[in-house]
């Protein structure tokens, strides 16, 4: 993924429905930073030629 942060990846996963159907009014209560910390267990970030990439390690 070409994203700036794991938090952005968490937001993308929510938008894509990876965590199931989450109603719009509930999404404001999600802790995206906590989801990003959890994603860090399986994903890593690297910067190549000034672009940040996130990839799955596990």
Protein backbone atom coordinates (compact mmCIF):
# COMPACT_ATOMS: atom_id res chain seq x y z
CA UNK A 1 0.00 0.00 0.00
CA UNK A 2 1.28 3.45 -0.83
CA UNK A 3 0.06 5.31 2.26
CA UNK A 4 1.55 7.76 4.74
CA UNK A 5 0.93 5.73 7.90
CA UNK A 6 -0.56 2.63 9.46
CA UNK A 7 -3.36 4.86 10.71
CA UNK A 8 -4.19 5.63 7.08
CA UNK A 9 -4.18 1.89 6.39
CA UNK A 10 -6.60 1.36 9.28
CA UNK A 11 -8.91 4.00 7.78
CA UNK A 12 -8.68 2.35 4.36
CA UNK A 13 -9.51 -1.08 5.80
CA UNK A 14 -12.57 0.37 7.54
CA UNK A 15 -13.71 2.07 4.33
CA UNK A 16 -13.23 -1.18 2.37
CA UNK A 17 -15.30 -3.09 4.93
CA UNK A 18 -12.48 -5.38 6.07
CA UNK A 19 -13.80 -5.19 9.65
CA UNK A 20 -17.38 -5.77 8.56
CA UNK A 21 -20.19 -3.30 8.09
CA UNK A 22 -19.60 -0.50 10.59
CA UNK A 23 -22.34 2.15 10.59
CA UNK A 24 -21.12 5.67 9.77
CA UNK A 25 -22.29 7.07 13.12
CA UNK A 26 -20.21 4.45 15.00
CA UNK A 27 -17.00 5.04 13.01
CA UNK A 28 -16.33 8.28 14.89
CA UNK A 29 -15.84 6.25 18.08
CA UNK A 30 -13.21 3.89 16.65
CA UNK A 31 -9.69 4.30 18.01
CA UNK A 32 -7.73 4.39 14.76
CA UNK A 33 -4.42 4.73 16.60
CA UNK A 34 -5.10 1.50 18.50
CA UNK A 35 -6.04 -0.27 15.26
CA UNK A 36 -2.81 1.03 13.69
CA UNK A 37 -0.78 -0.35 16.63
CA UNK A 38 -2.43 -3.73 16.11
CA UNK A 39 -1.70 -3.61 12.37
CA UNK A 40 1.97 -2.95 13.19
CA UNK A 41 2.20 -6.56 14.40
CA UNK A 42 1.67 -7.82 10.82
CA UNK A 43 2.59 -4.82 8.64
CA UNK A 44 5.76 -2.79 8.21
CA UNK A 45 6.58 0.56 6.61
CA UNK A 46 9.46 1.60 4.40
CA UNK A 47 10.26 4.69 2.37
CA UNK A 48 11.63 4.33 -1.16
CA UNK A 49 12.44 7.35 -3.30
CA UNK A 50 10.46 9.61 -0.97
CA UNK A 51 7.31 7.47 -1.02
CA UNK A 52 6.06 5.56 2.01
CA UNK A 53 5.00 1.95 1.45
CA UNK A 54 3.25 -0.39 3.85
CA UNK A 55 3.46 -4.13 3.34
CA UNK A 56 2.33 -7.27 5.14
CA UNK A 57 5.11 -9.19 6.88
CA UNK A 58 3.23 -12.11 8.39
